[in-house]
């Protein structure tokens, strides 16, 4: 298995990003609060790996494949919160 640098293209044709809660420490929570963020992305596509600050976020199926090779990987579920901006959007 090869591991590549994970990044997402920023712009209207790029990928969506997530904003994590700045009040939570990933090692101390059972669920991480996140919000879809259009401040820097502009994109609406959701990739296998999603930019979320210093937190690595990926789809569940990708995590399971990585865990097959890297047993020490830990994860927490995400709680997606809505803002006034995205209440009417479908993701």
PDB file of N, CA and C in Angstrom:
ATOM      1  N   UNK A   1       0.843  -1.176   0.000  1.00  0.00           N
ATOM      2  CA  UNK A   1       0.000   0.000   0.000  1.00  0.00           C
ATOM      3  C   UNK A   1       0.886   1.235   0.000  1.00  0.00           C
ATOM      4  N   UNK A   2       0.566   2.195  -0.845  1.00  0.00           N
ATOM      5  CA  UNK A   2       1.283   3.454  -0.885  1.00  0.00           C
ATOM      6  C   UNK A   2       0.449   4.520  -0.187  1.00  0.00           C
ATOM      7  N   UNK A   3       1.099   5.387   0.554  1.00  0.00           N
ATOM      8  CA  UNK A   3       0.425   6.508   1.205  1.00  0.00           C
ATOM      9  C   UNK A   3       0.946   7.789   0.552  1.00  0.00           C
ATOM     10  N   UNK A   4       0.043   8.612   0.100  1.00  0.00           N
ATOM     11  CA  UNK A   4       0.405   9.862  -0.551  1.00  0.00           C
ATOM     12  C   UNK A   4       0.011  11.033   0.332  1.00  0.00           C
ATOM     13  N   UNK A   5       0.575  12.182   0.042  1.00  0.00           N
ATOM     14  CA  UNK A   5       0.195  13.402   0.747  1.00  0.00           C
ATOM     15  C   UNK A   5      -1.279  13.681   0.479  1.00  0.00           C
ATOM     16  N   UNK A   6      -2.031  13.943   1.515  1.00  0.00           N
ATOM     17  CA  UNK A   6      -3.461  14.184   1.378  1.00  0.00           C
ATOM     18  C   UNK A   6      -3.710  15.682   1.318  1.00  0.00           C
ATOM     19  N   UNK A   7      -4.340  16.135   0.246  1.00  0.00           N
ATOM     20  CA  UNK A   7      -4.662  17.555   0.121  1.00  0.00           C
ATOM     21  C   UNK A   7      -5.937  17.683  -0.698  1.00  0.00           C
ATOM     22  N   UNK A   8      -6.526  18.852  -0.671  1.00  0.00           N
ATOM     23  CA  UNK A   8      -7.721  19.078  -1.474  1.00  0.00           C
ATOM     24  C   UNK A   8      -7.587  20.395  -2.213  1.00  0.00           C
ATOM     25  N   UNK A   9      -8.092  20.417  -3.415  1.00  0.00           N
ATOM     26  CA  UNK A   9      -8.075  21.613  -4.237  1.00  0.00           C
ATOM     27  C   UNK A   9      -9.051  22.626  -3.661  1.00  0.00           C
ATOM     28  N   UNK A  10      -8.625  23.856  -3.523  1.00  0.00           N
ATOM     29  CA  UNK A  10      -9.483  24.911  -2.974  1.00  0.00           C
ATOM     30  C   UNK A  10     -10.021  25.741  -4.135  1.00  0.00           C
ATOM     31  N   UNK A  11     -11.296  26.018  -4.122  1.00  0.00           N
ATOM     32  CA  UNK A  11     -11.942  26.814  -5.164  1.00  0.00           C
ATOM     33  C   UNK A  11     -13.318  26.268  -5.461  1.00  0.00           C
ATOM     34  N   UNK A  12     -14.077  26.957  -6.291  1.00  0.00           N
ATOM     35  CA  UNK A  12     -15.457  26.551  -6.536  1.00  0.00           C
ATOM     36  C   UNK A  12     -15.568  25.180  -7.176  1.00  0.00           C
ATOM     37  N   UNK A  13     -14.545  24.722  -7.867  1.00  0.00           N
ATOM     38  CA  UNK A  13     -14.554  23.387  -8.456  1.00  0.00           C
ATOM     39  C   UNK A  13     -13.834  22.380  -7.573  1.00  0.00           C
ATOM     40  N   UNK A  14     -13.442  22.795  -6.386  1.00  0.00           N
ATOM     41  CA  UNK A  14     -12.678  21.937  -5.488  1.00  0.00           C
ATOM     42  C   UNK A  14     -13.549  21.151  -4.536  1.00  0.00           C
ATOM     43  N   UNK A  15     -12.962  20.774  -3.423  1.00  0.00           N
ATOM     44  CA  UNK A  15     -13.625  19.930  -2.448  1.00  0.00           C
ATOM     45  C   UNK A  15     -14.073  20.733  -1.228  1.00  0.00           C
ATOM     46  N   UNK A  16     -15.118  20.249  -0.589  1.00  0.00           N
ATOM     47  CA  UNK A  16     -15.610  20.871   0.636  1.00  0.00           C
ATOM     48  C   UNK A  16     -14.607  20.658   1.762  1.00  0.00           C
ATOM     49  N   UNK A  17     -14.648  21.521   2.747  1.00  0.00           N
ATOM     50  CA  UNK A  17     -13.798  21.380   3.927  1.00  0.00           C
ATOM     51  C   UNK A  17     -14.682  21.386   5.164  1.00  0.00           C
ATOM     52  N   UNK A  18     -14.125  20.915   6.254  1.00  0.00           N
ATOM     53  CA  UNK A  18     -14.825  20.911   7.535  1.00  0.00           C
ATOM     54  C   UNK A  18     -14.102  21.829   8.502  1.00  0.00           C
ATOM     55  N   UNK A  19     -14.842  22.424   9.405  1.00  0.00           N
ATOM     56  CA  UNK A  19     -14.260  23.246  10.472  1.00  0.00           C
ATOM     57  C   UNK A  19     -14.500  22.520  11.785  1.00  0.00           C
ATOM     58  N   UNK A  20     -13.424  22.159  12.489  1.00  0.00           N
ATOM     59  CA  UNK A  20     -13.605  21.472  13.777  1.00  0.00           C
ATOM     60  C   UNK A  20     -13.903  22.463  14.897  1.00  0.00           C
ATOM     61  N   UNK A  21     -14.442  21.961  15.973  1.00  0.00           N
ATOM     62  CA  UNK A  21     -14.664  22.778  17.151  1.00  0.00           C
ATOM     63  C   UNK A  21     -13.317  23.158  17.750  1.00  0.00           C
ATOM     64  N   UNK A  22     -13.143  24.426  18.063  1.00  0.00           N
ATOM     65  CA  UNK A  22     -11.882  24.843  18.692  1.00  0.00           C
ATOM     66  C   UNK A  22     -11.922  24.646  20.201  1.00  0.00           C
ATOM     67  N   UNK A  23     -13.020  24.102  20.715  1.00  0.00           N
ATOM     68  CA  UNK A  23     -13.147  23.858  22.153  1.00  0.00           C
ATOM     69  C   UNK A  23     -12.945  22.391  22.511  1.00  0.00           C
ATOM     70  N   UNK A  24     -12.712  21.555  21.511  1.00  0.00           N
ATOM     71  CA  UNK A  24     -12.557  20.133  21.770  1.00  0.00           C
ATOM     72  C   UNK A  24     -11.149  19.678  21.433  1.00  0.00           C
ATOM     73  N   UNK A  25     -10.632  18.788  22.239  1.00  0.00           N
ATOM     74  CA  UNK A  25      -9.328  18.189  21.985  1.00  0.00           C
ATOM     75  C   UNK A  25      -9.588  16.762  21.534  1.00  0.00           C
ATOM     76  N   UNK A  26      -9.131  16.424  20.342  1.00  0.00           N
ATOM     77  CA  UNK A  26      -9.469  15.143  19.725  1.00  0.00           C
ATOM     78  C   UNK A  26      -9.154  13.944  20.613  1.00  0.00           C
ATOM     79  N   UNK A  27      -8.111  14.013  21.399  1.00  0.00           N
ATOM     80  CA  UNK A  27      -7.730  12.883  22.251  1.00  0.00           C
ATOM     81  C   UNK A  27      -8.608  12.756  23.491  1.00  0.00           C
ATOM     82  N   UNK A  28      -9.465  13.758  23.747  1.00  0.00           N
ATOM     83  CA  UNK A  28     -10.261  13.761  24.977  1.00  0.00           C
ATOM     84  C   UNK A  28     -11.767  13.692  24.747  1.00  0.00           C
ATOM     85  N   UNK A  29     -12.197  13.494  23.500  1.00  0.00           N
ATOM     86  CA  UNK A  29     -13.642  13.463  23.226  1.00  0.00           C
ATOM     87  C   UNK A  29     -14.055  12.121  22.620  1.00  0.00           C
ATOM     88  N   UNK A  30     -15.333  11.794  22.772  1.00  0.00           N
ATOM     89  CA  UNK A  30     -15.880  10.592  22.147  1.00  0.00           C
ATOM     90  C   UNK A  30     -16.502  10.909  20.789  1.00  0.00           C
ATOM     91  N   UNK A  31     -16.875  12.170  20.584  1.00  0.00           N
ATOM     92  CA  UNK A  31     -17.447  12.641  19.328  1.00  0.00           C
ATOM     93  C   UNK A  31     -16.921  14.049  19.078  1.00  0.00           C
ATOM     94  N   UNK A  32     -16.497  14.325  17.842  1.00  0.00           N
ATOM     95  CA  UNK A  32     -15.957  15.637  17.493  1.00  0.00           C
ATOM     96  C   UNK A  32     -17.011  16.446  16.745  1.00  0.00           C
ATOM     97  N   UNK A  33     -17.266  17.681  17.200  1.00  0.00           N
ATOM     98  CA  UNK A  33     -18.193  18.582  16.514  1.00  0.00           C
ATOM     99  C   UNK A  33     -17.501  19.223  15.323  1.00  0.00           C
ATOM    100  N   UNK A  34     -18.171  19.192  14.155  1.00  0.00           N
ATOM    101  CA  UNK A  34     -17.637  19.820  12.939  1.00  0.00           C
ATOM    102  C   UNK A  34     -18.760  20.529  12.197  1.00  0.00           C
ATOM    103  N   UNK A  35     -18.381  21.468  11.344  1.00  0.00           N
ATOM    104  CA  UNK A  35     -19.305  22.214  10.507  1.00  0.00           C
ATOM    105  C   UNK A  35     -18.746  22.233   9.089  1.00  0.00           C
ATOM    106  N   UNK A  36     -19.613  22.149   8.073  1.00  0.00           N
ATOM    107  CA  UNK A  36     -19.161  22.352   6.701  1.00  0.00           C
ATOM    108  C   UNK A  36     -18.749  23.802   6.581  1.00  0.00           C
ATOM    109  N   UNK A  37     -17.624  24.034   5.931  1.00  0.00           N
ATOM    110  CA  UNK A  37     -17.011  25.352   5.916  1.00  0.00           C
ATOM    111  C   UNK A  37     -16.858  25.857   4.492  1.00  0.00           C
ATOM    112  N   UNK A  38     -17.423  27.017   4.183  1.00  0.00           N
ATOM    113  CA  UNK A  38     -17.221  27.584   2.849  1.00  0.00           C
ATOM    114  C   UNK A  38     -16.346  28.831   2.884  1.00  0.00           C
ATOM    115  N   UNK A  39     -15.688  29.062   4.005  1.00  0.00           N
ATOM    116  CA  UNK A  39     -14.829  30.250   4.109  1.00  0.00           C
ATOM    117  C   UNK A  39     -13.647  30.185   3.152  1.00  0.00           C
ATOM    118  N   UNK A  40     -13.037  29.027   3.016  1.00  0.00           N
ATOM    119  CA  UNK A  40     -11.832  28.952   2.186  1.00  0.00           C
ATOM    120  C   UNK A  40     -11.976  27.974   1.038  1.00  0.00           C
ATOM    121  N   UNK A  41     -13.001  27.169   1.012  1.00  0.00           N
ATOM    122  CA  UNK A  41     -13.111  26.124   0.009  1.00  0.00           C
ATOM    123  C   UNK A  41     -13.902  26.577  -1.208  1.00  0.00           C
ATOM    124  N   UNK A  42     -15.179  26.819  -0.999  1.00  0.00           N
ATOM    125  CA  UNK A  42     -16.041  27.156  -2.122  1.00  0.00           C
ATOM    126  C   UNK A  42     -16.545  25.929  -2.851  1.00  0.00           C
ATOM    127  N   UNK A  43     -15.925  24.787  -2.635  1.00  0.00           N
ATOM    128  CA  UNK A  43     -16.312  23.565  -3.324  1.00  0.00           C
ATOM    129  C   UNK A  43     -17.387  22.796  -2.586  1.00  0.00           C
ATOM    130  N   UNK A  44     -18.102  21.941  -3.322  1.00  0.00           N
ATOM    131  CA  UNK A  44     -19.162  21.143  -2.716  1.00  0.00           C
ATOM    132  C   UNK A  44     -18.912  19.647  -2.861  1.00  0.00           C
ATOM    133  N   UNK A  45     -17.837  19.253  -3.562  1.00  0.00           N
ATOM    134  CA  UNK A  45     -17.521  17.835  -3.693  1.00  0.00           C
ATOM    135  C   UNK A  45     -16.929  17.336  -2.380  1.00  0.00           C
ATOM    136  N   UNK A  46     -17.263  16.101  -2.019  1.00  0.00           N
ATOM    137  CA  UNK A  46     -16.712  15.526  -0.801  1.00  0.00           C
ATOM    138  C   UNK A  46     -15.793  14.385  -1.196  1.00  0.00           C
ATOM    139  N   UNK A  47     -14.509  14.544  -0.910  1.00  0.00           N
ATOM    140  CA  UNK A  47     -13.514  13.548  -1.276  1.00  0.00           C
ATOM    141  C   UNK A  47     -13.412  12.434  -0.247  1.00  0.00           C
ATOM    142  N   UNK A  48     -12.557  11.456  -0.541  1.00  0.00           N
ATOM    143  CA  UNK A  48     -12.323  10.356   0.404  1.00  0.00           C
ATOM    144  C   UNK A  48     -11.684  10.872   1.689  1.00  0.00           C
ATOM    145  N   UNK A  49     -10.866  11.885   1.567  1.00  0.00           N
ATOM    146  CA  UNK A  49     -10.230  12.528   2.717  1.00  0.00           C
ATOM    147  C   UNK A  49     -10.628  13.993   2.674  1.00  0.00           C
ATOM    148  N   UNK A  50     -11.006  14.554   3.815  1.00  0.00           N
ATOM    149  CA  UNK A  50     -11.533  15.915   3.879  1.00  0.00           C
ATOM    150  C   UNK A  50     -10.627  16.764   4.754  1.00  0.00           C
ATOM    151  N   UNK A  51     -10.264  17.956   4.275  1.00  0.00           N
ATOM    152  CA  UNK A  51      -9.446  18.869   5.063  1.00  0.00           C
ATOM    153  C   UNK A  51     -10.260  19.367   6.249  1.00  0.00           C
ATOM    154  N   UNK A  52      -9.672  19.266   7.435  1.00  0.00           N
ATOM    155  CA  UNK A  52     -10.359  19.685   8.661  1.00  0.00           C
ATOM    156  C   UNK A  52      -9.320  20.180   9.666  1.00  0.00           C
ATOM    157  N   UNK A  53      -8.631  21.267   9.319  1.00  0.00           N
ATOM    158  CA  UNK A  53      -7.607  21.799  10.215  1.00  0.00           C
ATOM    159  C   UNK A  53      -6.503  20.781  10.440  1.00  0.00           C
ATOM    160  N   UNK A  54      -6.100  20.606  11.668  1.00  0.00           N
ATOM    161  CA  UNK A  54      -5.025  19.667  11.998  1.00  0.00           C
ATOM    162  C   UNK A  54      -5.545  18.247  12.212  1.00  0.00           C
ATOM    163  N   UNK A  55      -6.849  18.045  12.033  1.00  0.00           N
ATOM    164  CA  UNK A  55      -7.459  16.738  12.251  1.00  0.00           C
ATOM    165  C   UNK A  55      -7.574  16.023  10.912  1.00  0.00           C
ATOM    166  N   UNK A  56      -7.203  14.764  10.856  1.00  0.00           N
ATOM    167  CA  UNK A  56      -7.325  13.975   9.636  1.00  0.00           C
ATOM    168  C   UNK A  56      -8.709  13.352   9.589  1.00  0.00           C
ATOM    169  N   UNK A  57      -9.465  13.657   8.535  1.00  0.00           N
ATOM    170  CA  UNK A  57     -10.823  13.144   8.385  1.00  0.00           C
ATOM    171  C   UNK A  57     -10.902  12.362   7.083  1.00  0.00           C
ATOM    172  N   UNK A  58     -11.472  11.161   7.152  1.00  0.00           N
ATOM    173  CA  UNK A  58     -11.666  10.377   5.936  1.00  0.00           C
ATOM    174  C   UNK A  58     -12.946   9.573   6.044  1.00  0.00           C
ATOM    175  N   UNK A  59     -13.394   9.048   4.918  1.00  0.00           N
ATOM    176  CA  UNK A  59     -14.577   8.202   4.903  1.00  0.00           C
ATOM    177  C   UNK A  59     -14.287   6.930   5.686  1.00  0.00           C
ATOM    178  N   UNK A  60     -15.343   6.343   6.242  1.00  0.00           N
ATOM    179  CA  UNK A  60     -15.203   5.127   7.044  1.00  0.00           C
ATOM    180  C   UNK A  60     -14.531   3.985   6.311  1.00  0.00           C
ATOM    181  N   UNK A  61     -14.855   3.799   5.043  1.00  0.00           N
ATOM    182  CA  UNK A  61     -14.266   2.695   4.283  1.00  0.00           C
ATOM    183  C   UNK A  61     -12.757   2.893   4.097  1.00  0.00           C
ATOM    184  N   UNK A  62     -12.334   4.135   3.948  1.00  0.00           N
ATOM    185  CA  UNK A  62     -10.904   4.436   3.832  1.00  0.00           C
ATOM    186  C   UNK A  62     -10.215   4.145   5.159  1.00  0.00           C
ATOM    187  N   UNK A  63     -10.840   4.534   6.266  1.00  0.00           N
ATOM    188  CA  UNK A  63     -10.275   4.270   7.592  1.00  0.00           C
ATOM    189  C   UNK A  63     -10.092   2.770   7.811  1.00  0.00           C
ATOM    190  N   UNK A  64     -11.070   1.973   7.432  1.00  0.00           N
ATOM    191  CA  UNK A  64     -10.956   0.524   7.623  1.00  0.00           C
ATOM    192  C   UNK A  64      -9.832  -0.065   6.787  1.00  0.00           C
ATOM    193  N   UNK A  65      -9.645   0.441   5.569  1.00  0.00           N
ATOM    194  CA  UNK A  65      -8.536  -0.033   4.737  1.00  0.00           C
ATOM    195  C   UNK A  65      -7.196   0.338   5.359  1.00  0.00           C
ATOM    196  N   UNK A  66      -7.100   1.556   5.885  1.00  0.00           N
ATOM    197  CA  UNK A  66      -5.859   1.981   6.533  1.00  0.00           C
ATOM    198  C   UNK A  66      -5.596   1.178   7.806  1.00  0.00           C
ATOM    199  N   UNK A  67      -6.652   0.894   8.561  1.00  0.00           N
ATOM    200  CA  UNK A  67      -6.493   0.099   9.784  1.00  0.00           C
ATOM    201  C   UNK A  67      -6.004  -1.316   9.484  1.00  0.00           C
ATOM    202  N   UNK A  68      -6.276  -1.807   8.284  1.00  0.00           N
ATOM    203  CA  UNK A  68      -5.781  -3.112   7.884  1.00  0.00           C
ATOM    204  C   UNK A  68      -4.263  -3.155   7.863  1.00  0.00           C
ATOM    205  N   UNK A  69      -3.650  -2.011   7.625  1.00  0.00           N
ATOM    206  CA  UNK A  69      -2.180  -1.917   7.571  1.00  0.00           C
ATOM    207  C   UNK A  69      -1.590  -1.244   8.803  1.00  0.00           C
ATOM    208  N   UNK A  70      -2.349  -0.349   9.403  1.00  0.00           N
ATOM    209  CA  UNK A  70      -1.850   0.431  10.539  1.00  0.00           C
ATOM    210  C   UNK A  70      -2.801   0.241  11.722  1.00  0.00           C
ATOM    211  N   UNK A  71      -2.606  -0.796  12.485  1.00  0.00           N
ATOM    212  CA  UNK A  71      -3.516  -1.185  13.570  1.00  0.00           C
ATOM    213  C   UNK A  71      -3.666  -0.125  14.658  1.00  0.00           C
ATOM    214  N   UNK A  72      -2.663   0.738  14.810  1.00  0.00           N
ATOM    215  CA  UNK A  72      -2.674   1.717  15.900  1.00  0.00           C
ATOM    216  C   UNK A  72      -3.563   2.935  15.621  1.00  0.00           C
ATOM    217  N   UNK A  73      -4.153   3.033  14.438  1.00  0.00           N
ATOM    218  CA  UNK A  73      -5.019   4.171  14.129  1.00  0.00           C
ATOM    219  C   UNK A  73      -6.251   4.176  15.025  1.00  0.00           C
ATOM    220  N   UNK A  74      -6.569   5.334  15.551  1.00  0.00           N
ATOM    221  CA  UNK A  74      -7.752   5.527  16.393  1.00  0.00           C
ATOM    222  C   UNK A  74      -8.697   6.492  15.674  1.00  0.00           C
ATOM    223  N   UNK A  75      -9.958   6.444  16.049  1.00  0.00           N
ATOM    224  CA  UNK A  75     -10.906   7.358  15.420  1.00  0.00           C
ATOM    225  C   UNK A  75     -12.015   7.736  16.398  1.00  0.00           C
ATOM    226  N   UNK A  76     -12.676   8.830  16.092  1.00  0.00           N
ATOM    227  CA  UNK A  76     -13.887   9.241  16.814  1.00  0.00           C
ATOM    228  C   UNK A  76     -14.920   9.628  15.756  1.00  0.00           C
ATOM    229  N   UNK A  77     -16.189   9.392  16.020  1.00  0.00           N
ATOM    230  CA  UNK A  77     -17.222   9.822  15.076  1.00  0.00           C
ATOM    231  C   UNK A  77     -17.340  11.341  15.050  1.00  0.00           C
ATOM    232  N   UNK A  78     -17.856  11.847  13.942  1.00  0.00           N
ATOM    233  CA  UNK A  78     -18.084  13.281  13.790  1.00  0.00           C
ATOM    234  C   UNK A  78     -19.559  13.592  13.974  1.00  0.00           C
ATOM    235  N   UNK A  79     -19.840  14.717  14.635  1.00  0.00           N
ATOM    236  CA  UNK A  79     -21.209  15.219  14.750  1.00  0.00           C
ATOM    237  C   UNK A  79     -21.276  16.460  13.858  1.00  0.00           C
ATOM    238  N   UNK A  80     -22.035  16.354  12.763  1.00  0.00           N
ATOM    239  CA  UNK A  80     -22.151  17.454  11.813  1.00  0.00           C
ATOM    240  C   UNK A  80     -23.189  18.449  12.303  1.00  0.00           C
ATOM    241  N   UNK A  81     -22.794  19.690  12.457  1.00  0.00           N
ATOM    242  CA  UNK A  81     -23.672  20.757  12.932  1.00  0.00           C
ATOM    243  C   UNK A  81     -24.028  21.670  11.762  1.00  0.00           C
ATOM    244  N   UNK A  82     -25.184  22.245  11.815  1.00  0.00           N
ATOM    245  CA  UNK A  82     -25.620  23.157  10.761  1.00  0.00           C
ATOM    246  C   UNK A  82     -25.433  24.604  11.178  1.00  0.00           C
ATOM    247  N   UNK A  83     -25.190  25.435  10.181  1.00  0.00           N
ATOM    248  CA  UNK A  83     -25.178  26.878  10.389  1.00  0.00           C
ATOM    249  C   UNK A  83     -26.350  27.450   9.614  1.00  0.00           C
ATOM    250  N   UNK A  84     -26.630  28.712   9.786  1.00  0.00           N
ATOM    251  CA  UNK A  84     -27.717  29.350   9.038  1.00  0.00           C
ATOM    252  C   UNK A  84     -27.453  29.266   7.534  1.00  0.00           C
ATOM    253  N   UNK A  85     -26.167  29.337   7.134  1.00  0.00           N
ATOM    254  CA  UNK A  85     -25.811  29.314   5.723  1.00  0.00           C
ATOM    255  C   UNK A  85     -26.163  28.001   5.045  1.00  0.00           C
ATOM    256  N   UNK A  86     -25.989  26.885   5.743  1.00  0.00           N
ATOM    257  CA  UNK A  86     -26.151  25.610   5.051  1.00  0.00           C
ATOM    258  C   UNK A  86     -27.414  24.833   5.411  1.00  0.00           C
ATOM    259  N   UNK A  87     -28.356  25.438   6.067  1.00  0.00           N
ATOM    260  CA  UNK A  87     -29.593  24.727   6.426  1.00  0.00           C
ATOM    261  C   UNK A  87     -30.374  24.266   5.185  1.00  0.00           C
ATOM    262  N   UNK A  88     -30.312  25.011   4.106  1.00  0.00           N
ATOM    263  CA  UNK A  88     -31.067  24.659   2.916  1.00  0.00           C
ATOM    264  C   UNK A  88     -30.244  23.887   1.878  1.00  0.00           C
ATOM    265  N   UNK A  89     -28.962  23.701   2.124  1.00  0.00           N
ATOM    266  CA  UNK A  89     -28.104  22.981   1.184  1.00  0.00           C
ATOM    267  C   UNK A  89     -28.172  21.493   1.425  1.00  0.00           C
ATOM    268  N   UNK A  90     -27.991  20.737   0.352  1.00  0.00           N
ATOM    269  CA  UNK A  90     -27.908  19.287   0.477  1.00  0.00           C
ATOM    270  C   UNK A  90     -26.469  18.871   0.225  1.00  0.00           C
ATOM    271  N   UNK A  91     -25.903  18.058   1.106  1.00  0.00           N
ATOM    272  CA  UNK A  91     -24.541  17.557   0.931  1.00  0.00           C
ATOM    273  C   UNK A  91     -24.581  16.069   0.718  1.00  0.00           C
TER     274      UNK A  91
END
